[in-house]
Amino acid sequence: MWQRAPQSAAASPWPVFRTCRREIAFVDPSAAAPPDADRLVGEQAYAHLLQVICGLDSPMLAETEVMHQFRVFVDALGESDHAVERIGRRLLADARSVRARHLSAFGSRSYGSAVRRHVRGCERVAVIGTGMLCQEVLPFVADDRRLVDVYGRKATFDSTLPAVCYQRLDQAASNPPFDERAALVIAAPVDAAVIARIGARYSALSCVIDLRGEADAGPLPPLAPIVSLADVFDEMQRAAMAADRRVAAARVDIARCARAFAGRAVLNPSGWHDLCA
């Protein structure tokens, strides 16, 4: 097989798997590869394909979209590509096995995923701030049919997410407090008085997640247990270290799968199409 950066989707005599980052052609060894392509054969080709399908060569490590794309590619192969389909089915089976053993539930690797860990079980989340940090956190907390109240200084706030209610900080009314189990996320450099006023609106506050930097972080009112920015950084670092170990274990497993495939294969002169497992 050969691999190169994506080109125009021109007709090819070989089955070609395309993603936004690469195109991989399944060819026999006698076929000439384009000058800008990397050529891989046998065990090396199988290991590389398995890494790609498992999401280990993706910008978002261990993502699942490329595996879905490869399944669609395999399902669309015709009768003339039966040998490639057979290899593709085996790759998918090995990928499912590798992912199940090493790559599921990757943990908190962003502000949003770290915050989501602390709001589990909450029916409502209040977010102070409307800037980039709020935009990163919102998709992670506005799920599970959870209500999200966003407080900011802007006159308006645009969000396509459901169940997001926006209020201006200077107009946050002292209405009867919300009685759902809630969490408060501080995603803007506001002072203790503002935090206390917003926090008082939630009678069952389970935690306060303070994402302010050291220069902005004054003392907090005693509303609920506090998760600091340093705590979030520590969680992200631990998750990254654990992820590195799991990725290394997945690569070892992939190499084992490739050796098993190569050990059972019979390579005939016509090449990739006659590589039988």
C-alpha atoms as a PDB file:
ATOM      1  CA  MET A   1       0.000   0.000   0.000  1.00  0.00           C
ATOM      2  CA  TRP A   2       1.020   3.650  -0.234  1.00  0.00           C
ATOM      3  CA  GLN A   3       0.001   6.760   1.698  1.00  0.00           C
ATOM      4  CA  ARG A   4       0.197  10.470   0.949  1.00  0.00           C
ATOM      5  CA  ALA A   5      -1.482  13.759   1.837  1.00  0.00           C
ATOM      6  CA  PRO A   6      -5.044  14.173   0.470  1.00  0.00           C
ATOM      7  CA  GLN A   7      -5.289  14.949  -3.238  1.00  0.00           C
ATOM      8  CA  SER A   8      -8.295  15.604  -5.453  1.00  0.00           C
ATOM      9  CA  ALA A   9     -10.650  12.632  -5.415  1.00  0.00           C
ATOM     10  CA  ALA A  10      -9.574  11.365  -8.833  1.00  0.00           C
ATOM     11  CA  ALA A  11     -10.491   7.904 -10.099  1.00  0.00           C
ATOM     12  CA  SER A  12      -8.070   5.180  -9.032  1.00  0.00           C
ATOM     13  CA  PRO A  13      -7.681   1.567 -10.178  1.00  0.00           C
ATOM     14  CA  TRP A  14      -7.009   0.687  -6.522  1.00  0.00           C
ATOM     15  CA  PRO A  15      -9.214   0.934  -3.429  1.00  0.00           C
ATOM     16  CA  VAL A  16      -8.336   4.228  -1.710  1.00  0.00           C
ATOM     17  CA  PHE A  17      -9.252   5.104   1.885  1.00  0.00           C
ATOM     18  CA  ARG A  18      -9.444   8.899   2.272  1.00  0.00           C
ATOM     19  CA  THR A  19      -9.638  11.101   5.362  1.00  0.00           C
ATOM     20  CA  CYS A  20      -9.083  14.829   5.818  1.00  0.00           C
ATOM     21  CA  ARG A  21      -5.383  14.133   6.596  1.00  0.00           C
ATOM     22  CA  ARG A  22      -4.363  11.311   4.259  1.00  0.00           C
ATOM     23  CA  GLU A  23      -5.248   8.906   1.489  1.00  0.00           C
ATOM     24  CA  ILE A  24      -4.174   5.276   1.636  1.00  0.00           C
ATOM     25  CA  ALA A  25      -4.227   3.104  -1.482  1.00  0.00           C
ATOM     26  CA  PHE A  26      -4.245  -0.699  -1.328  1.00  0.00           C
ATOM     27  CA  VAL A  27      -2.006  -1.786  -4.221  1.00  0.00           C
ATOM     28  CA  ASP A  28       0.185  -4.729  -5.158  1.00  0.00           C
ATOM     29  CA  PRO A  29       3.980  -4.391  -4.804  1.00  0.00           C
ATOM     30  CA  SER A  30       4.545  -4.080  -8.564  1.00  0.00           C
ATOM     31  CA  ALA A  31       2.413  -0.927  -8.848  1.00  0.00           C
ATOM     32  CA  ALA A  32       4.291   2.360  -9.062  1.00  0.00           C
ATOM     33  CA  ALA A  33       3.633   4.683  -6.124  1.00  0.00           C
ATOM     34  CA  PRO A  34       3.362   8.469  -6.627  1.00  0.00           C
ATOM     35  CA  PRO A  35       6.621  10.321  -5.850  1.00  0.00           C
ATOM     36  CA  ASP A  36       4.992  12.104  -2.894  1.00  0.00           C
ATOM     37  CA  ALA A  37       3.742   8.885  -1.286  1.00  0.00           C
ATOM     38  CA  ASP A  38       5.139   6.651   1.446  1.00  0.00           C
ATOM     39  CA  ARG A  39       5.161   2.965   0.554  1.00  0.00           C
ATOM     40  CA  LEU A  40       4.451   0.313   3.213  1.00  0.00           C
ATOM     41  CA  VAL A  41       4.137  -3.450   2.877  1.00  0.00           C
ATOM     42  CA  GLY A  42       3.225  -6.467   4.973  1.00  0.00           C
ATOM     43  CA  GLU A  43       3.549  -6.182   8.743  1.00  0.00           C
ATOM     44  CA  GLN A  44       4.578  -2.512   8.591  1.00  0.00           C
ATOM     45  CA  ALA A  45       1.530  -1.648   6.476  1.00  0.00           C
ATOM     46  CA  TYR A  46      -0.836  -3.522   8.790  1.00  0.00           C
ATOM     47  CA  ALA A  47       0.593  -1.856  11.925  1.00  0.00           C
ATOM     48  CA  HIS A  48       0.345   1.604  10.359  1.00  0.00           C
ATOM     49  CA  LEU A  49      -3.260   1.050   9.275  1.00  0.00           C
ATOM     50  CA  LEU A  50      -4.181  -0.136  12.743  1.00  0.00           C
ATOM     51  CA  GLN A  51      -2.622   2.976  14.316  1.00  0.00           C
ATOM     52  CA  VAL A  52      -4.568   5.201  11.935  1.00  0.00           C
ATOM     53  CA  ILE A  53      -7.867   3.390  12.563  1.00  0.00           C
ATOM     54  CA  CYS A  54      -7.359   3.544  16.341  1.00  0.00           C
ATOM     55  CA  GLY A  55      -6.912   7.325  16.136  1.00  0.00           C
ATOM     56  CA  LEU A  56      -3.257   7.334  17.205  1.00  0.00           C
ATOM     57  CA  ASP A  57      -2.203   9.448  14.203  1.00  0.00           C
ATOM     58  CA  SER A  58      -5.060  11.947  14.645  1.00  0.00           C
ATOM     59  CA  PRO A  59      -4.795  15.515  16.022  1.00  0.00           C
ATOM     60  CA  MET A  60      -7.322  14.513  18.694  1.00  0.00           C
ATOM     61  CA  LEU A  61      -5.603  11.434  20.062  1.00  0.00           C
ATOM     62  CA  ALA A  62      -7.682   8.232  20.160  1.00  0.00           C
ATOM     63  CA  GLU A  63     -10.698   9.835  18.463  1.00  0.00           C
ATOM     64  CA  THR A  64     -13.240   7.411  16.954  1.00  0.00           C
ATOM     65  CA  GLU A  65     -14.266   9.224  13.760  1.00  0.00           C
ATOM     66  CA  VAL A  66     -11.489   7.705  11.607  1.00  0.00           C
ATOM     67  CA  MET A  67     -12.571   4.196  12.645  1.00  0.00           C
ATOM     68  CA  HIS A  68     -16.108   5.019  11.525  1.00  0.00           C
ATOM     69  CA  GLN A  69     -14.753   6.352   8.217  1.00  0.00           C
ATOM     70  CA  PHE A  70     -12.750   3.161   7.663  1.00  0.00           C
ATOM     71  CA  ARG A  71     -15.810   1.004   8.404  1.00  0.00           C
ATOM     72  CA  VAL A  72     -17.763   2.950   5.768  1.00  0.00           C
ATOM     73  CA  PHE A  73     -14.880   2.429   3.308  1.00  0.00           C
ATOM     74  CA  VAL A  74     -14.794  -1.327   3.935  1.00  0.00           C
ATOM     75  CA  ASP A  75     -18.592  -1.652   3.680  1.00  0.00           C
ATOM     76  CA  ALA A  76     -18.490   0.042   0.262  1.00  0.00           C
ATOM     77  CA  LEU A  77     -15.891  -2.311  -1.283  1.00  0.00           C
ATOM     78  CA  GLY A  78     -17.147  -4.365  -4.202  1.00  0.00           C
ATOM     79  CA  GLU A  79     -16.700  -8.016  -5.197  1.00  0.00           C
ATOM     80  CA  SER A  80     -13.461  -7.279  -7.050  1.00  0.00           C
ATOM     81  CA  ASP A  81     -11.944  -6.020  -3.786  1.00  0.00           C
ATOM     82  CA  HIS A  82     -12.859  -9.027  -1.680  1.00  0.00           C
ATOM     83  CA  ALA A  83      -9.301  -9.560  -0.428  1.00  0.00           C
ATOM     84  CA  VAL A  84      -9.006  -5.938   0.730  1.00  0.00           C
ATOM     85  CA  GLU A  85     -12.404  -6.219   2.415  1.00  0.00           C
ATOM     86  CA  ARG A  86     -11.237  -9.327   4.291  1.00  0.00           C
ATOM     87  CA  ILE A  87      -8.141  -7.495   5.526  1.00  0.00           C
ATOM     88  CA  GLY A  88     -10.286  -4.470   6.404  1.00  0.00           C
ATOM     89  CA  ARG A  89     -12.636  -6.603   8.520  1.00  0.00           C
ATOM     90  CA  ARG A  90      -9.698  -8.022  10.400  1.00  0.00           C
ATOM     91  CA  LEU A  91      -8.276  -4.537  10.947  1.00  0.00           C
ATOM     92  CA  LEU A  92     -11.611  -3.371  12.361  1.00  0.00           C
ATOM     93  CA  ALA A  93     -11.793  -6.356  14.712  1.00  0.00           C
ATOM     94  CA  ASP A  94      -8.234  -5.727  15.941  1.00  0.00           C
ATOM     95  CA  ALA A  95      -8.956  -1.997  16.313  1.00  0.00           C
ATOM     96  CA  ARG A  96     -12.025  -2.666  18.450  1.00  0.00           C
ATOM     97  CA  SER A  97      -9.945  -4.975  20.638  1.00  0.00           C
ATOM     98  CA  VAL A  98      -7.075  -2.487  21.036  1.00  0.00           C
ATOM     99  CA  ARG A  99      -9.441   0.381  21.817  1.00  0.00           C
ATOM    100  CA  ALA A 100     -11.353  -1.667  24.391  1.00  0.00           C
ATOM    101  CA  ARG A 101      -8.124  -2.641  26.178  1.00  0.00           C
ATOM    102  CA  HIS A 102      -6.282   0.674  26.087  1.00  0.00           C
ATOM    103  CA  LEU A 103      -8.070   3.678  24.569  1.00  0.00           C
ATOM    104  CA  SER A 104     -11.529   4.024  26.115  1.00  0.00           C
ATOM    105  CA  ALA A 105     -12.469   6.863  28.542  1.00  0.00           C
ATOM    106  CA  PHE A 106      -9.328   8.930  28.007  1.00  0.00           C
ATOM    107  CA  GLY A 107     -10.022  11.300  30.890  1.00  0.00           C
ATOM    108  CA  SER A 108      -9.732  15.050  31.468  1.00  0.00           C
ATOM    109  CA  ARG A 109      -7.402  16.459  28.797  1.00  0.00           C
ATOM    110  CA  SER A 110      -8.964  19.939  28.469  1.00  0.00           C
ATOM    111  CA  TYR A 111     -10.573  22.575  30.673  1.00  0.00           C
ATOM    112  CA  GLY A 112     -13.998  21.442  29.510  1.00  0.00           C
ATOM    113  CA  SER A 113     -13.538  17.757  30.250  1.00  0.00           C
ATOM    114  CA  ALA A 114     -11.905  18.545  33.617  1.00  0.00           C
ATOM    115  CA  VAL A 115     -14.852  20.737  34.613  1.00  0.00           C
ATOM    116  CA  ARG A 116     -17.368  18.148  33.437  1.00  0.00           C
ATOM    117  CA  ARG A 117     -15.865  15.640  35.857  1.00  0.00           C
ATOM    118  CA  HIS A 118     -16.762  17.918  38.772  1.00  0.00           C
ATOM    119  CA  VAL A 119     -20.328  18.731  37.675  1.00  0.00           C
ATOM    120  CA  ARG A 120     -21.482  15.139  37.301  1.00  0.00           C
ATOM    121  CA  GLY A 121     -24.651  14.667  39.300  1.00  0.00           C
ATOM    122  CA  CYS A 122     -25.518  18.367  39.092  1.00  0.00           C
ATOM    123  CA  GLU A 123     -28.799  19.374  37.502  1.00  0.00           C
ATOM    124  CA  ARG A 124     -27.703  22.962  36.989  1.00  0.00           C
ATOM    125  CA  VAL A 125     -24.417  24.777  36.328  1.00  0.00           C
ATOM    126  CA  ALA A 126     -23.772  28.498  36.646  1.00  0.00           C
ATOM    127  CA  VAL A 127     -20.910  29.954  34.591  1.00  0.00           C
ATOM    128  CA  ILE A 128     -19.581  33.466  35.289  1.00  0.00           C
ATOM    129  CA  GLY A 129     -17.978  34.844  32.129  1.00  0.00           C
ATOM    130  CA  THR A 130     -18.632  34.762  28.395  1.00  0.00           C
ATOM    131  CA  GLY A 131     -15.109  34.724  26.924  1.00  0.00           C
ATOM    132  CA  MET A 132     -12.995  31.986  25.371  1.00  0.00           C
ATOM    133  CA  LEU A 133     -12.805  29.980  28.584  1.00  0.00           C
ATOM    134  CA  CYS A 134     -16.594  29.947  28.855  1.00  0.00           C
ATOM    135  CA  GLN A 135     -16.878  28.909  25.205  1.00  0.00           C
ATOM    136  CA  GLU A 136     -14.521  25.990  25.826  1.00  0.00           C
ATOM    137  CA  VAL A 137     -16.346  24.808  28.941  1.00  0.00           C
ATOM    138  CA  LEU A 138     -19.958  25.216  27.776  1.00  0.00           C
ATOM    139  CA  PRO A 139     -20.209  22.226  25.374  1.00  0.00           C
ATOM    140  CA  PHE A 140     -18.944  19.941  28.135  1.00  0.00           C
ATOM    141  CA  VAL A 141     -21.382  21.087  30.831  1.00  0.00           C
ATOM    142  CA  ALA A 142     -24.436  21.741  28.651  1.00  0.00           C
ATOM    143  CA  ASP A 143     -25.168  18.063  28.149  1.00  0.00           C
ATOM    144  CA  ASP A 144     -27.045  15.330  30.001  1.00  0.00           C
ATOM    145  CA  ARG A 145     -30.118  17.612  29.858  1.00  0.00           C
ATOM    146  CA  ARG A 146     -28.452  19.903  32.355  1.00  0.00           C
ATOM    147  CA  LEU A 147     -29.519  23.546  32.677  1.00  0.00           C
ATOM    148  CA  VAL A 148     -26.744  26.137  32.328  1.00  0.00           C
ATOM    149  CA  ASP A 149     -26.950  29.757  33.499  1.00  0.00           C
ATOM    150  CA  VAL A 150     -24.331  32.042  31.946  1.00  0.00           C
ATOM    151  CA  TYR A 151     -23.628  35.422  33.581  1.00  0.00           C
ATOM    152  CA  GLY A 152     -21.688  38.140  31.794  1.00  0.00           C
ATOM    153  CA  ARG A 153     -21.262  41.845  31.186  1.00  0.00           C
ATOM    154  CA  LYS A 154     -22.428  41.771  27.559  1.00  0.00           C
ATOM    155  CA  ALA A 155     -25.845  43.013  26.487  1.00  0.00           C
ATOM    156  CA  THR A 156     -26.362  39.801  24.512  1.00  0.00           C
ATOM    157  CA  PHE A 157     -24.808  36.366  24.371  1.00  0.00           C
ATOM    158  CA  ASP A 158     -25.107  33.971  21.423  1.00  0.00           C
ATOM    159  CA  SER A 159     -25.178  30.222  22.000  1.00  0.00           C
ATOM    160  CA  THR A 160     -26.544  27.456  19.815  1.00  0.00           C
ATOM    161  CA  LEU A 161     -26.523  25.061  22.768  1.00  0.00           C
ATOM    162  CA  PRO A 162     -29.889  24.077  24.216  1.00  0.00           C
ATOM    163  CA  ALA A 163     -30.853  24.838  27.804  1.00  0.00           C
ATOM    164  CA  VAL A 164     -28.433  27.792  28.118  1.00  0.00           C
ATOM    165  CA  CYS A 165     -29.893  30.868  29.818  1.00  0.00           C
ATOM    166  CA  TYR A 166     -27.965  34.157  29.714  1.00  0.00           C
ATOM    167  CA  GLN A 167     -28.198  37.006  32.228  1.00  0.00           C
ATOM    168  CA  ARG A 168     -26.158  40.186  32.612  1.00  0.00           C
ATOM    169  CA  LEU A 169     -24.148  40.374  35.802  1.00  0.00           C
ATOM    170  CA  ASP A 170     -25.493  43.794  36.701  1.00  0.00           C
ATOM    171  CA  GLN A 171     -29.072  42.604  36.227  1.00  0.00           C
ATOM    172  CA  ALA A 172     -28.899  39.235  37.960  1.00  0.00           C
ATOM    173  CA  ALA A 173     -32.028  39.553  40.054  1.00  0.00           C
ATOM    174  CA  SER A 174     -32.263  38.393  43.656  1.00  0.00           C
ATOM    175  CA  ASN A 175     -35.071  36.024  42.803  1.00  0.00           C
ATOM    176  CA  PRO A 176     -35.828  32.983  44.961  1.00  0.00           C
ATOM    177  CA  PRO A 177     -32.804  30.690  44.714  1.00  0.00           C
ATOM    178  CA  PHE A 178     -32.670  27.669  42.450  1.00  0.00           C
ATOM    179  CA  ASP A 179     -33.038  24.516  44.506  1.00  0.00           C
ATOM    180  CA  GLU A 180     -31.473  21.988  42.087  1.00  0.00           C
ATOM    181  CA  ARG A 181     -28.080  20.487  42.894  1.00  0.00           C
ATOM    182  CA  ALA A 182     -25.719  22.926  41.171  1.00  0.00           C
ATOM    183  CA  ALA A 183     -22.090  23.861  40.507  1.00  0.00           C
ATOM    184  CA  LEU A 184     -20.601  27.316  39.997  1.00  0.00           C
ATOM    185  CA  VAL A 185     -17.820  27.822  37.410  1.00  0.00           C
ATOM    186  CA  ILE A 186     -15.841  31.080  37.571  1.00  0.00           C
ATOM    187  CA  ALA A 187     -14.497  31.706  34.059  1.00  0.00           C
ATOM    188  CA  ALA A 188     -13.812  35.447  34.295  1.00  0.00           C
ATOM    189  CA  PRO A 189     -11.763  37.781  36.562  1.00  0.00           C
ATOM    190  CA  VAL A 190     -14.584  38.836  38.902  1.00  0.00           C
ATOM    191  CA  ASP A 191     -14.331  39.753  42.577  1.00  0.00           C
ATOM    192  CA  ALA A 192     -15.663  37.996  45.647  1.00  0.00           C
ATOM    193  CA  ALA A 193     -18.749  40.212  45.901  1.00  0.00           C
ATOM    194  CA  VAL A 194     -19.944  39.188  42.424  1.00  0.00           C
ATOM    195  CA  ILE A 195     -19.222  35.515  43.136  1.00  0.00           C
ATOM    196  CA  ALA A 196     -21.120  35.704  46.430  1.00  0.00           C
ATOM    197  CA  ARG A 197     -24.118  37.368  44.762  1.00  0.00           C
ATOM    198  CA  ILE A 198     -24.335  34.758  42.010  1.00  0.00           C
ATOM    199  CA  GLY A 199     -23.598  31.862  44.346  1.00  0.00           C
ATOM    200  CA  ALA A 200     -26.433  32.931  46.653  1.00  0.00           C
ATOM    201  CA  ARG A 201     -28.903  32.156  43.871  1.00  0.00           C
ATOM    202  CA  TYR A 202     -28.170  28.411  44.254  1.00  0.00           C
ATOM    203  CA  SER A 203     -29.307  26.850  47.512  1.00  0.00           C
ATOM    204  CA  ALA A 204     -27.782  23.407  46.813  1.00  0.00           C
ATOM    205  CA  LEU A 205     -24.335  24.375  45.551  1.00  0.00           C
ATOM    206  CA  SER A 206     -22.060  21.313  45.501  1.00  0.00           C
ATOM    207  CA  CYS A 207     -18.787  22.970  44.397  1.00  0.00           C
ATOM    208  CA  VAL A 208     -17.169  26.140  43.094  1.00  0.00           C
ATOM    209  CA  ILE A 209     -14.722  25.637  40.205  1.00  0.00           C
ATOM    210  CA  ASP A 210     -12.406  28.651  40.116  1.00  0.00           C
ATOM    211  CA  LEU A 211     -10.665  28.971  36.726  1.00  0.00           C
ATOM    212  CA  ARG A 212      -9.229  32.449  37.382  1.00  0.00           C
ATOM    213  CA  GLY A 213      -5.486  32.899  37.079  1.00  0.00           C
ATOM    214  CA  GLU A 214      -3.400  33.733  40.127  1.00  0.00           C
ATOM    215  CA  ALA A 215      -3.411  37.444  39.310  1.00  0.00           C
ATOM    216  CA  ASP A 216      -7.218  37.495  39.242  1.00  0.00           C
ATOM    217  CA  ALA A 217      -7.958  35.060  42.050  1.00  0.00           C
ATOM    218  CA  GLY A 218      -8.905  36.882  45.234  1.00  0.00           C
ATOM    219  CA  PRO A 219     -10.393  35.137  48.275  1.00  0.00           C
ATOM    220  CA  LEU A 220     -13.613  33.251  47.642  1.00  0.00           C
ATOM    221  CA  PRO A 221     -16.711  33.404  49.826  1.00  0.00           C
ATOM    222  CA  PRO A 222     -17.436  30.149  51.711  1.00  0.00           C
ATOM    223  CA  LEU A 223     -20.131  28.909  49.358  1.00  0.00           C
ATOM    224  CA  ALA A 224     -19.086  25.292  48.776  1.00  0.00           C
ATOM    225  CA  PRO A 225     -15.957  23.133  48.372  1.00  0.00           C
ATOM    226  CA  ILE A 226     -13.524  24.829  45.976  1.00  0.00           C
ATOM    227  CA  VAL A 227     -11.763  23.318  42.940  1.00  0.00           C
ATOM    228  CA  SER A 228      -8.918  25.689  42.031  1.00  0.00           C
ATOM    229  CA  LEU A 229      -7.200  26.235  38.693  1.00  0.00           C
ATOM    230  CA  ALA A 230      -4.154  24.458  40.143  1.00  0.00           C
ATOM    231  CA  ASP A 231      -6.359  21.451  40.947  1.00  0.00           C
ATOM    232  CA  VAL A 232      -7.616  21.407  37.348  1.00  0.00           C
ATOM    233  CA  PHE A 233      -4.050  21.617  35.989  1.00  0.00           C
ATOM    234  CA  ASP A 234      -2.981  18.716  38.222  1.00  0.00           C
ATOM    235  CA  GLU A 235      -5.891  16.597  36.974  1.00  0.00           C
ATOM    236  CA  MET A 236      -5.070  17.382  33.345  1.00  0.00           C
ATOM    237  CA  GLN A 237      -1.392  16.533  33.896  1.00  0.00           C
ATOM    238  CA  ARG A 238      -2.240  13.232  35.573  1.00  0.00           C
ATOM    239  CA  ALA A 239      -4.665  12.412  32.757  1.00  0.00           C
ATOM    240  CA  ALA A 240      -2.013  13.231  30.140  1.00  0.00           C
ATOM    241  CA  MET A 241       0.551  10.996  31.864  1.00  0.00           C
ATOM    242  CA  ALA A 242      -1.958   8.160  32.125  1.00  0.00           C
ATOM    243  CA  ALA A 243      -2.900   8.664  28.463  1.00  0.00           C
ATOM    244  CA  ASP A 244       0.761   8.463  27.413  1.00  0.00           C
ATOM    245  CA  ARG A 245       1.102   5.128  29.199  1.00  0.00           C
ATOM    246  CA  ARG A 246      -2.071   3.814  27.594  1.00  0.00           C
ATOM    247  CA  VAL A 247      -1.022   4.945  24.118  1.00  0.00           C
ATOM    248  CA  ALA A 248       2.350   3.226  24.571  1.00  0.00           C
ATOM    249  CA  ALA A 249       0.564   0.020  25.609  1.00  0.00           C
ATOM    250  CA  ALA A 250      -1.769   0.330  22.597  1.00  0.00           C
ATOM    251  CA  ARG A 251       1.209   0.647  20.233  1.00  0.00           C
ATOM    252  CA  VAL A 252       2.744  -2.513  21.721  1.00  0.00           C
ATOM    253  CA  ASP A 253      -0.588  -4.286  21.217  1.00  0.00           C
ATOM    254  CA  ILE A 254      -0.787  -3.020  17.629  1.00  0.00           C
ATOM    255  CA  ALA A 255       2.696  -4.380  16.903  1.00  0.00           C
ATOM    256  CA  ARG A 256       1.593  -7.750  18.302  1.00  0.00           C
ATOM    257  CA  CYS A 257      -1.506  -7.749  16.060  1.00  0.00           C
ATOM    258  CA  ALA A 258       0.646  -6.897  13.027  1.00  0.00           C
ATOM    259  CA  ARG A 259       3.087  -9.733  13.779  1.00  0.00           C
ATOM    260  CA  ALA A 260       0.181 -12.154  14.183  1.00  0.00           C
ATOM    261  CA  PHE A 261      -1.238 -11.025  10.854  1.00  0.00           C
ATOM    262  CA  ALA A 262       2.105 -11.305   9.044  1.00  0.00           C
ATOM    263  CA  GLY A 263       2.761 -14.733  10.581  1.00  0.00           C
ATOM    264  CA  ARG A 264      -0.491 -16.096   9.161  1.00  0.00           C
ATOM    265  CA  ALA A 265      -0.231 -14.409   5.782  1.00  0.00           C
ATOM    266  CA  VAL A 266       0.690 -15.901   2.433  1.00  0.00           C
ATOM    267  CA  LEU A 267       2.009 -13.337  -0.016  1.00  0.00           C
ATOM    268  CA  ASN A 268       1.541 -14.309  -3.669  1.00  0.00           C
ATOM    269  CA  PRO A 269       3.261 -12.510  -6.569  1.00  0.00           C
ATOM    270  CA  SER A 270       0.196 -10.419  -7.413  1.00  0.00           C
ATOM    271  CA  GLY A 271       0.504  -8.739  -4.051  1.00  0.00           C
ATOM    272  CA  TRP A 272      -1.824  -7.011  -1.605  1.00  0.00           C
ATOM    273  CA  HIS A 273      -4.974  -8.490  -3.146  1.00  0.00           C
ATOM    274  CA  ASP A 274      -3.647 -11.992  -2.485  1.00  0.00           C
ATOM    275  CA  LEU A 275      -2.506 -11.294   1.084  1.00  0.00           C
ATOM    276  CA  CYS A 276      -4.635 -13.823   2.914  1.00  0.00           C
ATOM    277  CA  ALA A 277      -5.140 -14.031   6.631  1.00  0.00           C
END
